[in-house]
Amino acid sequence: ASNIRLNNISFSWGLTEKLYRKMGMKGGRVGINAQNIFVITKARGYDPDLGGFNSLPPNTTIVVSISLTL
């Protein structure tokens, strides 16, 4: 079966100098990482990469990170 899958996506933002100095820090970053986002397929009832009806799809995982330099 044909399918379209988004497995991983990651974003990271650096805090502006004005913002982190106002907070009394030397630097900082905020990020988000997500895995197993979605699958688009015409197949019904199962993930086509798993190969069967008895298989569970992989869990979607979302991680948010904050890194501060004090």
N, C-alpha and C. Protein backbone atom coordinates (compact mmCIF):
# COMPACT_ATOMS: atom_id res chain seq x y z
N ALA A 1 0.84 -1.19 0.00
CA ALA A 1 0.00 0.00 0.00
C ALA A 1 0.88 1.24 0.00
N SER A 2 0.47 2.25 -0.69
CA SER A 2 1.18 3.53 -0.71
C SER A 2 0.81 4.33 0.53
N ASN A 3 1.77 5.09 1.03
CA ASN A 3 1.48 5.94 2.18
C ASN A 3 2.45 7.11 2.24
N ILE A 4 2.05 8.11 2.99
CA ILE A 4 2.90 9.27 3.28
C ILE A 4 3.03 9.31 4.80
N ARG A 5 4.27 9.43 5.27
CA ARG A 5 4.51 9.38 6.72
C ARG A 5 5.41 10.55 7.12
N LEU A 6 5.07 11.17 8.25
CA LEU A 6 5.94 12.17 8.87
C LEU A 6 6.46 11.54 10.16
N ASN A 7 7.73 11.13 10.15
CA ASN A 7 8.32 10.44 11.30
C ASN A 7 8.87 11.39 12.35
N ASN A 8 9.68 12.35 11.94
CA ASN A 8 10.35 13.22 12.91
C ASN A 8 10.28 14.66 12.47
N ILE A 9 10.11 15.54 13.45
CA ILE A 9 10.18 16.97 13.19
C ILE A 9 10.76 17.63 14.45
N SER A 10 11.58 18.64 14.23
CA SER A 10 12.25 19.29 15.35
C SER A 10 12.36 20.79 15.08
N PHE A 11 12.06 21.59 16.09
CA PHE A 11 12.20 23.04 16.02
C PHE A 11 12.97 23.51 17.24
N SER A 12 13.77 24.55 17.06
CA SER A 12 14.52 25.13 18.16
C SER A 12 14.56 26.64 17.98
N TRP A 13 14.33 27.37 19.06
CA TRP A 13 14.36 28.82 19.02
C TRP A 13 15.35 29.34 20.05
N GLY A 14 16.18 30.28 19.62
CA GLY A 14 17.06 30.97 20.55
C GLY A 14 16.35 32.20 21.09
N LEU A 15 16.42 32.40 22.40
CA LEU A 15 15.79 33.56 23.01
C LEU A 15 16.53 34.83 22.57
N THR A 16 15.82 35.91 22.43
CA THR A 16 16.45 37.16 22.04
C THR A 16 17.33 37.68 23.17
N GLU A 17 18.36 38.41 22.80
CA GLU A 17 19.28 38.96 23.81
C GLU A 17 18.54 39.85 24.79
N LYS A 18 17.63 40.65 24.30
CA LYS A 18 16.86 41.54 25.18
C LYS A 18 16.06 40.75 26.22
N LEU A 19 15.46 39.64 25.80
CA LEU A 19 14.64 38.84 26.70
C LEU A 19 15.47 38.15 27.78
N TYR A 20 16.57 37.48 27.37
CA TYR A 20 17.32 36.76 28.39
C TYR A 20 18.11 37.69 29.30
N ARG A 21 18.52 38.85 28.83
CA ARG A 21 19.19 39.80 29.73
C ARG A 21 18.20 40.38 30.74
N LYS A 22 16.98 40.59 30.28
CA LYS A 22 15.93 41.09 31.18
C LYS A 22 15.66 40.09 32.31
N MET A 23 15.82 38.79 32.00
CA MET A 23 15.61 37.74 32.98
C MET A 23 16.87 37.42 33.78
N GLY A 24 17.97 38.14 33.52
CA GLY A 24 19.22 37.95 34.26
C GLY A 24 20.01 36.72 33.82
N MET A 25 19.89 36.32 32.56
CA MET A 25 20.60 35.15 32.06
C MET A 25 21.60 35.56 30.98
N LYS A 26 22.48 34.62 30.61
CA LYS A 26 23.44 34.86 29.54
C LYS A 26 22.96 34.33 28.20
N GLY A 27 21.99 33.42 28.21
CA GLY A 27 21.47 32.86 26.96
C GLY A 27 20.39 31.84 27.24
N GLY A 28 19.74 31.39 26.17
CA GLY A 28 18.71 30.38 26.33
C GLY A 28 18.13 29.93 25.00
N ARG A 29 17.57 28.71 25.02
CA ARG A 29 16.92 28.13 23.85
C ARG A 29 15.69 27.36 24.32
N VAL A 30 14.71 27.30 23.44
CA VAL A 30 13.51 26.51 23.67
C VAL A 30 13.35 25.63 22.43
N GLY A 31 13.02 24.37 22.63
CA GLY A 31 12.88 23.47 21.49
C GLY A 31 11.75 22.48 21.66
N ILE A 32 11.34 21.90 20.54
CA ILE A 32 10.33 20.85 20.54
C ILE A 32 10.75 19.80 19.51
N ASN A 33 10.60 18.54 19.89
CA ASN A 33 10.93 17.42 19.01
C ASN A 33 9.76 16.45 19.05
N ALA A 34 9.26 16.03 17.89
CA ALA A 34 8.13 15.11 17.83
C ALA A 34 8.48 13.94 16.91
N GLN A 35 8.02 12.74 17.28
CA GLN A 35 8.27 11.53 16.50
C GLN A 35 6.95 10.82 16.22
N ASN A 36 6.88 10.15 15.06
CA ASN A 36 5.70 9.39 14.64
C ASN A 36 4.46 10.28 14.63
N ILE A 37 4.52 11.33 13.83
CA ILE A 37 3.47 12.35 13.81
C ILE A 37 2.19 11.84 13.15
N PHE A 38 2.28 11.40 11.89
CA PHE A 38 1.07 10.91 11.22
C PHE A 38 1.42 10.04 10.03
N VAL A 39 0.41 9.28 9.56
CA VAL A 39 0.50 8.47 8.36
C VAL A 39 -0.75 8.75 7.54
N ILE A 40 -0.57 9.03 6.25
CA ILE A 40 -1.70 9.18 5.34
C ILE A 40 -1.68 7.98 4.40
N THR A 41 -2.77 7.21 4.42
CA THR A 41 -2.84 6.00 3.60
C THR A 41 -4.29 5.68 3.26
N LYS A 42 -4.49 4.94 2.20
CA LYS A 42 -5.83 4.46 1.86
C LYS A 42 -6.15 3.14 2.56
N ALA A 43 -5.14 2.49 3.14
CA ALA A 43 -5.34 1.24 3.86
C ALA A 43 -6.20 1.51 5.09
N ARG A 44 -7.11 0.64 5.39
CA ARG A 44 -8.02 0.81 6.52
C ARG A 44 -7.59 -0.06 7.70
N GLY A 45 -7.61 0.53 8.90
CA GLY A 45 -7.49 -0.24 10.13
C GLY A 45 -6.10 -0.59 10.61
N TYR A 46 -5.06 -0.30 9.86
CA TYR A 46 -3.73 -0.65 10.35
C TYR A 46 -2.67 0.22 9.69
N ASP A 47 -1.50 0.22 10.26
CA ASP A 47 -0.35 0.94 9.72
C ASP A 47 0.28 0.05 8.65
N PRO A 48 0.36 0.50 7.39
CA PRO A 48 0.87 -0.36 6.32
C PRO A 48 2.32 -0.81 6.49
N ASP A 49 3.14 -0.09 7.22
CA ASP A 49 4.54 -0.49 7.43
C ASP A 49 4.67 -1.61 8.46
N LEU A 50 3.64 -1.84 9.27
CA LEU A 50 3.72 -2.89 10.28
C LEU A 50 3.32 -4.25 9.74
N GLY A 51 2.54 -4.28 8.66
CA GLY A 51 2.29 -5.52 7.96
C GLY A 51 1.19 -6.40 8.48
N GLY A 52 0.34 -5.93 9.36
CA GLY A 52 -0.74 -6.80 9.80
C GLY A 52 -1.77 -6.07 10.64
N PHE A 53 -2.90 -6.74 10.84
CA PHE A 53 -4.00 -6.14 11.61
C PHE A 53 -3.77 -6.23 13.12
N ASN A 54 -2.91 -7.14 13.57
CA ASN A 54 -2.70 -7.33 15.01
C ASN A 54 -1.60 -6.45 15.58
N SER A 55 -0.96 -5.63 14.76
CA SER A 55 0.15 -4.79 15.21
C SER A 55 -0.36 -3.41 15.64
N LEU A 56 0.15 -2.94 16.74
CA LEU A 56 -0.20 -1.60 17.20
C LEU A 56 0.68 -0.57 16.51
N PRO A 57 0.16 0.61 16.19
CA PRO A 57 0.99 1.65 15.58
C PRO A 57 1.98 2.21 16.60
N PRO A 58 3.10 2.78 16.14
CA PRO A 58 4.05 3.37 17.08
C PRO A 58 3.44 4.58 17.78
N ASN A 59 3.84 4.79 19.03
CA ASN A 59 3.35 5.92 19.81
C ASN A 59 3.87 7.24 19.26
N THR A 60 3.06 8.27 19.33
CA THR A 60 3.52 9.62 19.03
C THR A 60 4.21 10.16 20.28
N THR A 61 5.42 10.68 20.10
CA THR A 61 6.20 11.20 21.22
C THR A 61 6.52 12.66 20.95
N ILE A 62 6.23 13.51 21.94
CA ILE A 62 6.53 14.94 21.84
C ILE A 62 7.37 15.34 23.05
N VAL A 63 8.54 15.94 22.78
CA VAL A 63 9.44 16.37 23.85
C VAL A 63 9.68 17.87 23.72
N VAL A 64 9.49 18.60 24.82
CA VAL A 64 9.76 20.03 24.86
C VAL A 64 10.99 20.23 25.73
N SER A 65 11.94 21.04 25.23
CA SER A 65 13.18 21.26 25.99
C SER A 65 13.42 22.76 26.20
N ILE A 66 14.02 23.06 27.34
CA ILE A 66 14.40 24.43 27.69
C ILE A 66 15.84 24.39 28.16
N SER A 67 16.69 25.20 27.55
CA SER A 67 18.08 25.26 27.94
C SER A 67 18.41 26.72 28.31
N LEU A 68 18.88 26.93 29.54
CA LEU A 68 19.18 28.28 30.02
C LEU A 68 20.64 28.35 30.44
N THR A 69 21.30 29.44 30.09
CA THR A 69 22.66 29.71 30.55
C THR A 69 22.59 30.85 31.55
N LEU A 70 22.94 30.54 32.78
CA LEU A 70 22.83 31.54 33.86
C LEU A 70 24.14 32.26 34.08
